[in-house]
Amino acid sequence: AEAEKQATIAELEDYMKNHLGDAVEIKAKITATRK
């Protein structure tokens, strides 16, 4: 589960970096996944 959460966060951060999708929504998902 830890590895999956880390992979999800890395993927969402990549979306943020490349401006893929809604930045606010992606940031919220990153925060929730980190928790």
PDB file of all heavy atoms in Angstrom:
ATOM      1  N   ALA A   1       0.837  -1.206   0.000  1.00  0.00           N
ATOM      2  CA  ALA A   1       0.000   0.000   0.000  1.00  0.00           C
ATOM      3  C   ALA A   1       0.871   1.254   0.000  1.00  0.00           C
ATOM      4  O   ALA A   1       0.566   2.245  -0.695  1.00  0.00           O
ATOM      5  CB  ALA A   1      -0.915  -0.006   1.222  1.00  0.00           C
ATOM      6  N   GLU A   2       1.967   1.216   0.743  1.00  0.00           N
ATOM      7  CA  GLU A   2       2.900   2.340   0.786  1.00  0.00           C
ATOM      8  C   GLU A   2       3.485   2.611  -0.602  1.00  0.00           C
ATOM      9  O   GLU A   2       3.548   3.776  -1.050  1.00  0.00           O
ATOM     10  CB  GLU A   2       4.016   2.057   1.780  1.00  0.00           C
ATOM     11  CG  GLU A   2       5.032   3.194   1.894  1.00  0.00           C
ATOM     12  CD  GLU A   2       6.202   2.828   2.782  1.00  0.00           C
ATOM     13  OE1 GLU A   2       6.580   1.622   2.814  1.00  0.00           O
ATOM     14  OE2 GLU A   2       6.765   3.727   3.430  1.00  0.00           O
ATOM     15  N   ALA A   3       3.883   1.551  -1.270  1.00  0.00           N
ATOM     16  CA  ALA A   3       4.469   1.694  -2.612  1.00  0.00           C
ATOM     17  C   ALA A   3       3.441   2.253  -3.595  1.00  0.00           C
ATOM     18  O   ALA A   3       3.772   3.105  -4.450  1.00  0.00           O
ATOM     19  CB  ALA A   3       4.978   0.336  -3.095  1.00  0.00           C
ATOM     20  N   GLU A   4       2.194   1.813  -3.450  1.00  0.00           N
ATOM     21  CA  GLU A   4       1.130   2.293  -4.345  1.00  0.00           C
ATOM     22  C   GLU A   4       0.855   3.776  -4.112  1.00  0.00           C
ATOM     23  O   GLU A   4       0.665   4.543  -5.080  1.00  0.00           O
ATOM     24  CB  GLU A   4      -0.153   1.484  -4.117  1.00  0.00           C
ATOM     25  CG  GLU A   4      -0.062   0.046  -4.626  1.00  0.00           C
ATOM     26  CD  GLU A   4      -1.275  -0.783  -4.237  1.00  0.00           C
ATOM     27  OE1 GLU A   4      -2.162  -0.237  -3.540  1.00  0.00           O
ATOM     28  OE2 GLU A   4      -1.333  -1.974  -4.614  1.00  0.00           O
ATOM     29  N   LYS A   5       0.808   4.193  -2.855  1.00  0.00           N
ATOM     30  CA  LYS A   5       0.568   5.608  -2.539  1.00  0.00           C
ATOM     31  C   LYS A   5       1.708   6.479  -3.075  1.00  0.00           C
ATOM     32  O   LYS A   5       1.474   7.568  -3.615  1.00  0.00           O
ATOM     33  CB  LYS A   5       0.465   5.805  -1.017  1.00  0.00           C
ATOM     34  CG  LYS A   5      -0.669   5.043  -0.337  1.00  0.00           C
ATOM     35  CD  LYS A   5      -2.028   5.441  -0.851  1.00  0.00           C
ATOM     36  CE  LYS A   5      -3.139   4.648  -0.149  1.00  0.00           C
ATOM     37  NZ  LYS A   5      -4.472   4.925  -0.734  1.00  0.00           N
ATOM     38  N   GLN A   6       2.950   5.982  -2.900  1.00  0.00           N
ATOM     39  CA  GLN A   6       4.107   6.727  -3.397  1.00  0.00           C
ATOM     40  C   GLN A   6       4.054   6.856  -4.921  1.00  0.00           C
ATOM     41  O   GLN A   6       4.370   7.931  -5.474  1.00  0.00           O
ATOM     42  CB  GLN A   6       5.398   6.015  -2.971  1.00  0.00           C
ATOM     43  CG  GLN A   6       5.707   6.139  -1.486  1.00  0.00           C
ATOM     44  CD  GLN A   6       6.916   5.325  -1.072  1.00  0.00           C
ATOM     45  OE1 GLN A   6       7.170   4.252  -1.624  1.00  0.00           O
ATOM     46  NE2 GLN A   6       7.674   5.821  -0.101  1.00  0.00           N
ATOM     47  N   ALA A   7       3.638   5.790  -5.589  1.00  0.00           N
ATOM     48  CA  ALA A   7       3.532   5.812  -7.060  1.00  0.00           C
ATOM     49  C   ALA A   7       2.443   6.779  -7.506  1.00  0.00           C
ATOM     50  O   ALA A   7       2.613   7.527  -8.497  1.00  0.00           O
ATOM     51  CB  ALA A   7       3.234   4.395  -7.579  1.00  0.00           C
ATOM     52  N   THR A   8       1.319   6.791  -6.755  1.00  0.00           N
ATOM     53  CA  THR A   8       0.212   7.698  -7.089  1.00  0.00           C
ATOM     54  C   THR A   8       0.639   9.152  -6.942  1.00  0.00           C
ATOM     55  O   THR A   8       0.339  10.003  -7.798  1.00  0.00           O
ATOM     56  CB  THR A   8      -0.996   7.410  -6.162  1.00  0.00           C
ATOM     57  OG1 THR A   8      -1.443   6.066  -6.382  1.00  0.00           O
ATOM     58  CG2 THR A   8      -2.136   8.381  -6.462  1.00  0.00           C
ATOM     59  N   ILE A   9       1.342   9.433  -5.846  1.00  0.00           N
ATOM     60  CA  ILE A   9       1.825  10.806  -5.599  1.00  0.00           C
ATOM     61  C   ILE A   9       2.803  11.226  -6.699  1.00  0.00           C
ATOM     62  O   ILE A   9       2.735  12.362  -7.219  1.00  0.00           O
ATOM     63  CB  ILE A   9       2.484  10.903  -4.214  1.00  0.00           C
ATOM     64  CG1 ILE A   9       1.424  10.763  -3.119  1.00  0.00           C
ATOM     65  CG2 ILE A   9       3.229  12.234  -4.059  1.00  0.00           C
ATOM     66  CD1 ILE A   9       1.993  10.634  -1.727  1.00  0.00           C
ATOM     67  N   ALA A  10       3.702  10.328  -7.070  1.00  0.00           N
ATOM     68  CA  ALA A  10       4.681  10.629  -8.122  1.00  0.00           C
ATOM     69  C   ALA A  10       3.972  10.912  -9.438  1.00  0.00           C
ATOM     70  O   ALA A  10       4.359  11.841 -10.186  1.00  0.00           O
ATOM     71  CB  ALA A  10       5.644   9.466  -8.275  1.00  0.00           C
ATOM     72  N   GLU A  11       2.930  10.128  -9.707  1.00  0.00           N
ATOM     73  CA  GLU A  11       2.179  10.316 -10.955  1.00  0.00           C
ATOM     74  C   GLU A  11       1.448  11.655 -10.953  1.00  0.00           C
ATOM     75  O   GLU A  11       1.460  12.391 -11.974  1.00  0.00           O
ATOM     76  CB  GLU A  11       1.181   9.173 -11.120  1.00  0.00           C
ATOM     77  CG  GLU A  11       0.423   9.221 -12.444  1.00  0.00           C
ATOM     78  CD  GLU A  11      -0.526   8.050 -12.616  1.00  0.00           C
ATOM     79  OE1 GLU A  11      -0.834   7.356 -11.604  1.00  0.00           O
ATOM     80  OE2 GLU A  11      -0.979   7.818 -13.744  1.00  0.00           O
ATOM     81  N   LEU A  12       0.803  12.013  -9.844  1.00  0.00           N
ATOM     82  CA  LEU A  12       0.077  13.273  -9.731  1.00  0.00           C
ATOM     83  C   LEU A  12       1.025  14.472  -9.821  1.00  0.00           C
ATOM     84  O   LEU A  12       0.693  15.502 -10.456  1.00  0.00           O
ATOM     85  CB  LEU A  12      -0.702  13.318  -8.406  1.00  0.00           C
ATOM     86  CG  LEU A  12      -1.911  12.373  -8.310  1.00  0.00           C
ATOM     87  CD1 LEU A  12      -2.439  12.323  -6.888  1.00  0.00           C
ATOM     88  CD2 LEU A  12      -3.016  12.815  -9.292  1.00  0.00           C
ATOM     89  N   GLU A  13       2.189  14.324  -9.212  1.00  0.00           N
ATOM     90  CA  GLU A  13       3.185  15.401  -9.292  1.00  0.00           C
ATOM     91  C   GLU A  13       3.672  15.583 -10.727  1.00  0.00           C
ATOM     92  O   GLU A  13       3.967  16.717 -11.170  1.00  0.00           O
ATOM     93  CB  GLU A  13       4.357  15.091  -8.346  1.00  0.00           C
ATOM     94  CG  GLU A  13       4.005  15.282  -6.873  1.00  0.00           C
ATOM     95  CD  GLU A  13       5.160  14.901  -5.954  1.00  0.00           C
ATOM     96  OE1 GLU A  13       6.086  14.189  -6.433  1.00  0.00           O
ATOM     97  OE2 GLU A  13       5.152  15.309  -4.773  1.00  0.00           O
ATOM     98  N   ASP A  14       3.755  14.494 -11.458  1.00  0.00           N
ATOM     99  CA  ASP A  14       4.153  14.564 -12.864  1.00  0.00           C
ATOM    100  C   ASP A  14       3.084  15.294 -13.684  1.00  0.00           C
ATOM    101  O   ASP A  14       3.413  16.080 -14.602  1.00  0.00           O
ATOM    102  CB  ASP A  14       4.361  13.162 -13.410  1.00  0.00           C
ATOM    103  CG  ASP A  14       4.967  13.177 -14.807  1.00  0.00           C
ATOM    104  OD1 ASP A  14       6.080  13.739 -14.954  1.00  0.00           O
ATOM    105  OD2 ASP A  14       4.351  12.637 -15.745  1.00  0.00           O
ATOM    106  N   TYR A  15       1.795  15.032 -13.326  1.00  0.00           N
ATOM    107  CA  TYR A  15       0.697  15.740 -13.995  1.00  0.00           C
ATOM    108  C   TYR A  15       0.807  17.244 -13.741  1.00  0.00           C
ATOM    109  O   TYR A  15       0.617  18.067 -14.658  1.00  0.00           O
ATOM    110  CB  TYR A  15      -0.663  15.250 -13.484  1.00  0.00           C
ATOM    111  CG  TYR A  15      -1.055  13.884 -13.972  1.00  0.00           C
ATOM    112  CD1 TYR A  15      -2.129  13.196 -13.385  1.00  0.00           C
ATOM    113  CD2 TYR A  15      -0.384  13.256 -15.036  1.00  0.00           C
ATOM    114  CE1 TYR A  15      -2.516  11.937 -13.832  1.00  0.00           C
ATOM    115  CE2 TYR A  15      -0.760  12.009 -15.491  1.00  0.00           C
ATOM    116  CZ  TYR A  15      -1.821  11.350 -14.881  1.00  0.00           C
ATOM    117  OH  TYR A  15      -2.197  10.115 -15.330  1.00  0.00           O
ATOM    118  N   MET A  16       1.105  17.595 -12.468  1.00  0.00           N
ATOM    119  CA  MET A  16       1.235  19.009 -12.101  1.00  0.00           C
ATOM    120  C   MET A  16       2.382  19.659 -12.870  1.00  0.00           C
ATOM    121  O   MET A  16       2.264  20.784 -13.373  1.00  0.00           O
ATOM    122  CB  MET A  16       1.522  19.130 -10.590  1.00  0.00           C
ATOM    123  CG  MET A  16       0.303  18.949  -9.716  1.00  0.00           C
ATOM    124  SD  MET A  16      -0.774  20.393  -9.678  1.00  0.00           S
ATOM    125  CE  MET A  16       0.246  21.564  -8.784  1.00  0.00           C
ATOM    126  N   LYS A  17       3.482  18.939 -12.982  1.00  0.00           N
ATOM    127  CA  LYS A  17       4.660  19.463 -13.643  1.00  0.00           C
ATOM    128  C   LYS A  17       4.407  19.716 -15.129  1.00  0.00           C
ATOM    129  O   LYS A  17       4.901  20.712 -15.707  1.00  0.00           O
ATOM    130  CB  LYS A  17       5.825  18.483 -13.468  1.00  0.00           C
ATOM    131  CG  LYS A  17       7.121  18.961 -14.073  1.00  0.00           C
ATOM    132  CD  LYS A  17       8.229  17.943 -13.828  1.00  0.00           C
ATOM    133  CE  LYS A  17       9.544  18.387 -14.445  1.00  0.00           C
ATOM    134  NZ  LYS A  17      10.629  17.395 -14.215  1.00  0.00           N
ATOM    135  N   ASN A  18       3.642  18.831 -15.724  1.00  0.00           N
ATOM    136  CA  ASN A  18       3.393  18.923 -17.165  1.00  0.00           C
ATOM    137  C   ASN A  18       2.053  19.582 -17.498  1.00  0.00           C
ATOM    138  O   ASN A  18       1.612  19.547 -18.660  1.00  0.00           O
ATOM    139  CB  ASN A  18       3.441  17.527 -17.791  1.00  0.00           C
ATOM    140  CG  ASN A  18       4.830  16.922 -17.734  1.00  0.00           C
ATOM    141  OD1 ASN A  18       5.763  17.390 -18.397  1.00  0.00           O
ATOM    142  ND2 ASN A  18       5.005  15.891 -16.895  1.00  0.00           N
ATOM    143  N   HIS A  19       1.386  20.174 -16.455  1.00  0.00           N
ATOM    144  CA  HIS A  19       0.127  20.887 -16.636  1.00  0.00           C
ATOM    145  C   HIS A  19      -0.933  19.992 -17.280  1.00  0.00           C
ATOM    146  O   HIS A  19      -1.657  20.402 -18.202  1.00  0.00           O
ATOM    147  CB  HIS A  19       0.339  22.156 -17.486  1.00  0.00           C
ATOM    148  CG  HIS A  19       1.399  23.048 -16.941  1.00  0.00           C
ATOM    149  ND1 HIS A  19       1.268  23.789 -15.778  1.00  0.00           N
ATOM    150  CD2 HIS A  19       2.673  23.309 -17.405  1.00  0.00           C
ATOM    151  CE1 HIS A  19       2.376  24.468 -15.550  1.00  0.00           C
ATOM    152  NE2 HIS A  19       3.266  24.190 -16.520  1.00  0.00           N
ATOM    153  N   LEU A  20      -1.039  18.754 -16.783  1.00  0.00           N
ATOM    154  CA  LEU A  20      -2.033  17.818 -17.306  1.00  0.00           C
ATOM    155  C   LEU A  20      -3.193  17.729 -16.320  1.00  0.00           C
ATOM    156  O   LEU A  20      -3.089  17.123 -15.271  1.00  0.00           O
ATOM    157  CB  LEU A  20      -1.411  16.424 -17.501  1.00  0.00           C
ATOM    158  CG  LEU A  20      -0.229  16.354 -18.478  1.00  0.00           C
ATOM    159  CD1 LEU A  20       0.393  14.961 -18.463  1.00  0.00           C
ATOM    160  CD2 LEU A  20      -0.686  16.731 -19.877  1.00  0.00           C
ATOM    161  N   GLY A  21      -4.283  18.422 -16.667  1.00  0.00           N
ATOM    162  CA  GLY A  21      -5.450  18.408 -15.808  1.00  0.00           C
ATOM    163  C   GLY A  21      -5.555  19.643 -14.948  1.00  0.00           C
ATOM    164  O   GLY A  21      -4.734  20.565 -15.025  1.00  0.00           O
ATOM    165  N   ASP A  22      -6.612  19.631 -14.075  1.00  0.00           N
ATOM    166  CA  ASP A  22      -6.891  20.760 -13.206  1.00  0.00           C
ATOM    167  C   ASP A  22      -5.872  20.762 -12.065  1.00  0.00           C
ATOM    168  O   ASP A  22      -5.794  19.824 -11.263  1.00  0.00           O
ATOM    169  CB  ASP A  22      -8.309  20.637 -12.639  1.00  0.00           C
ATOM    170  CG  ASP A  22      -8.730  21.896 -11.888  1.00  0.00           C
ATOM    171  OD1 ASP A  22      -7.934  22.342 -11.041  1.00  0.00           O
ATOM    172  OD2 ASP A  22      -9.827  22.385 -12.142  1.00  0.00           O
ATOM    173  N   ALA A  23      -5.084  21.831 -11.987  1.00  0.00           N
ATOM    174  CA  ALA A  23      -4.016  21.920 -11.008  1.00  0.00           C
ATOM    175  C   ALA A  23      -4.554  21.880  -9.581  1.00  0.00           C
ATOM    176  O   ALA A  23      -3.966  21.232  -8.688  1.00  0.00           O
ATOM    177  CB  ALA A  23      -3.208  23.182 -11.233  1.00  0.00           C
ATOM    178  N   VAL A  24      -5.678  22.556  -9.325  1.00  0.00           N
ATOM    179  CA  VAL A  24      -6.264  22.593  -7.970  1.00  0.00           C
ATOM    180  C   VAL A  24      -6.718  21.198  -7.553  1.00  0.00           C
ATOM    181  O   VAL A  24      -6.468  20.750  -6.419  1.00  0.00           O
ATOM    182  CB  VAL A  24      -7.445  23.577  -7.917  1.00  0.00           C
ATOM    183  CG1 VAL A  24      -8.114  23.530  -6.555  1.00  0.00           C
ATOM    184  CG2 VAL A  24      -6.987  25.008  -8.232  1.00  0.00           C
ATOM    185  N   GLU A  25      -7.381  20.530  -8.489  1.00  0.00           N
ATOM    186  CA  GLU A  25      -7.885  19.164  -8.207  1.00  0.00           C
ATOM    187  C   GLU A  25      -6.721  18.199  -7.975  1.00  0.00           C
ATOM    188  O   GLU A  25      -6.752  17.369  -7.066  1.00  0.00           O
ATOM    189  CB  GLU A  25      -8.745  18.686  -9.379  1.00  0.00           C
ATOM    190  CG  GLU A  25      -9.359  17.332  -9.132  1.00  0.00           C
ATOM    191  CD  GLU A  25     -10.222  16.879 -10.319  1.00  0.00           C
ATOM    192  OE1 GLU A  25     -10.514  17.694 -11.209  1.00  0.00           O
ATOM    193  OE2 GLU A  25     -10.577  15.675 -10.330  1.00  0.00           O
ATOM    194  N   ILE A  26      -5.675  18.336  -8.829  1.00  0.00           N
ATOM    195  CA  ILE A  26      -4.506  17.450  -8.694  1.00  0.00           C
ATOM    196  C   ILE A  26      -3.792  17.689  -7.360  1.00  0.00           C
ATOM    197  O   ILE A  26      -3.405  16.748  -6.661  1.00  0.00           O
ATOM    198  CB  ILE A  26      -3.520  17.686  -9.857  1.00  0.00           C
ATOM    199  CG1 ILE A  26      -4.162  17.227 -11.179  1.00  0.00           C
ATOM    200  CG2 ILE A  26      -2.207  16.946  -9.601  1.00  0.00           C
ATOM    201  CD1 ILE A  26      -3.350  17.587 -12.415  1.00  0.00           C
ATOM    202  N   LYS A  27      -3.672  18.983  -6.980  1.00  0.00           N
ATOM    203  CA  LYS A  27      -3.016  19.312  -5.724  1.00  0.00           C
ATOM    204  C   LYS A  27      -3.786  18.749  -4.531  1.00  0.00           C
ATOM    205  O   LYS A  27      -3.200  18.244  -3.566  1.00  0.00           O
ATOM    206  CB  LYS A  27      -2.890  20.831  -5.611  1.00  0.00           C
ATOM    207  CG  LYS A  27      -2.045  21.274  -4.422  1.00  0.00           C
ATOM    208  CD  LYS A  27      -1.860  22.788  -4.448  1.00  0.00           C
ATOM    209  CE  LYS A  27      -0.982  23.239  -3.275  1.00  0.00           C
ATOM    210  NZ  LYS A  27      -0.758  24.712  -3.298  1.00  0.00           N
ATOM    211  N   ALA A  28      -5.121  18.790  -4.616  1.00  0.00           N
ATOM    212  CA  ALA A  28      -5.966  18.263  -3.543  1.00  0.00           C
ATOM    213  C   ALA A  28      -5.781  16.745  -3.421  1.00  0.00           C
ATOM    214  O   ALA A  28      -5.727  16.200  -2.314  1.00  0.00           O
ATOM    215  CB  ALA A  28      -7.429  18.613  -3.819  1.00  0.00           C
ATOM    216  N   LYS A  29      -5.685  16.087  -4.583  1.00  0.00           N
ATOM    217  CA  LYS A  29      -5.473  14.634  -4.586  1.00  0.00           C
ATOM    218  C   LYS A  29      -4.111  14.272  -3.988  1.00  0.00           C
ATOM    219  O   LYS A  29      -3.980  13.278  -3.274  1.00  0.00           O
ATOM    220  CB  LYS A  29      -5.579  14.101  -6.005  1.00  0.00           C
ATOM    221  CG  LYS A  29      -7.014  14.040  -6.528  1.00  0.00           C
ATOM    222  CD  LYS A  29      -7.045  13.444  -7.930  1.00  0.00           C
ATOM    223  CE  LYS A  29      -8.474  13.351  -8.438  1.00  0.00           C
ATOM    224  NZ  LYS A  29      -8.548  12.766  -9.806  1.00  0.00           N
ATOM    225  N   ILE A  30      -3.114  15.093  -4.338  1.00  0.00           N
ATOM    226  CA  ILE A  30      -1.767  14.841  -3.794  1.00  0.00           C
ATOM    227  C   ILE A  30      -1.790  14.961  -2.264  1.00  0.00           C
ATOM    228  O   ILE A  30      -1.240  14.122  -1.543  1.00  0.00           O
ATOM    229  CB  ILE A  30      -0.748  15.824  -4.394  1.00  0.00           C
ATOM    230  CG1 ILE A  30      -0.509  15.490  -5.864  1.00  0.00           C
ATOM    231  CG2 ILE A  30       0.577  15.774  -3.612  1.00  0.00           C
ATOM    232  CD1 ILE A  30       0.377  16.503  -6.589  1.00  0.00           C
ATOM    233  N   THR A  31      -2.458  16.016  -1.753  1.00  0.00           N
ATOM    234  CA  THR A  31      -2.552  16.236  -0.308  1.00  0.00           C
ATOM    235  C   THR A  31      -3.259  15.064   0.376  1.00  0.00           C
ATOM    236  O   THR A  31      -2.808  14.569   1.423  1.00  0.00           O
ATOM    237  CB  THR A  31      -3.304  17.540  -0.011  1.00  0.00           C
ATOM    238  OG1 THR A  31      -2.615  18.647  -0.631  1.00  0.00           O
ATOM    239  CG2 THR A  31      -3.416  17.780   1.485  1.00  0.00           C
ATOM    240  N   ALA A  32      -4.377  14.619  -0.223  1.00  0.00           N
ATOM    241  CA  ALA A  32      -5.151  13.518   0.355  1.00  0.00           C
ATOM    242  C   ALA A  32      -4.345  12.208   0.339  1.00  0.00           C
ATOM    243  O   ALA A  32      -4.351  11.442   1.313  1.00  0.00           O
ATOM    244  CB  ALA A  32      -6.452  13.349  -0.419  1.00  0.00           C
ATOM    245  N   THR A  33      -3.634  11.983  -0.770  1.00  0.00           N
ATOM    246  CA  THR A  33      -2.850  10.748  -0.897  1.00  0.00           C
ATOM    247  C   THR A  33      -1.673  10.745   0.074  1.00  0.00           C
ATOM    248  O   THR A  33      -1.326   9.699   0.636  1.00  0.00           O
ATOM    249  CB  THR A  33      -2.335  10.593  -2.341  1.00  0.00           C
ATOM    250  OG1 THR A  33      -3.448  10.649  -3.252  1.00  0.00           O
ATOM    251  CG2 THR A  33      -1.638   9.251  -2.519  1.00  0.00           C
ATOM    252  N   ARG A  34      -1.071  11.917   0.278  1.00  0.00           N
ATOM    253  CA  ARG A  34       0.024  12.015   1.243  1.00  0.00           C
ATOM    254  C   ARG A  34      -0.469  11.708   2.657  1.00  0.00           C
ATOM    255  O   ARG A  34       0.234  11.040   3.444  1.00  0.00           O
ATOM    256  CB  ARG A  34       0.648  13.401   1.187  1.00  0.00           C
ATOM    257  CG  ARG A  34       1.632  13.568   0.034  1.00  0.00           C
ATOM    258  CD  ARG A  34       2.176  14.953  -0.028  1.00  0.00           C
ATOM    259  NE  ARG A  34       3.190  15.060  -1.088  1.00  0.00           N
ATOM    260  CZ  ARG A  34       3.642  16.228  -1.568  1.00  0.00           C
ATOM    261  NH1 ARG A  34       3.168  17.387  -1.056  1.00  0.00           N
ATOM    262  NH2 ARG A  34       4.548  16.255  -2.519  1.00  0.00           N
ATOM    263  N   LYS A  35      -1.673  12.161   3.004  1.00  0.00           N
ATOM    264  CA  LYS A  35      -2.243  11.862   4.311  1.00  0.00           C
ATOM    265  C   LYS A  35      -2.451  10.349   4.462  1.00  0.00           C
ATOM    266  O   LYS A  35      -2.178   9.765   5.514  1.00  0.00           O
ATOM    267  CB  LYS A  35      -3.567  12.599   4.477  1.00  0.00           C
ATOM    268  CG  LYS A  35      -4.172  12.433   5.865  1.00  0.00           C
ATOM    269  CD  LYS A  35      -5.451  13.233   5.993  1.00  0.00           C
ATOM    270  CE  LYS A  35      -6.034  13.091   7.403  1.00  0.00           C
ATOM    271  NZ  LYS A  35      -6.262  11.695   7.806  1.00  0.00           N
TER     272      LYS A  35
END
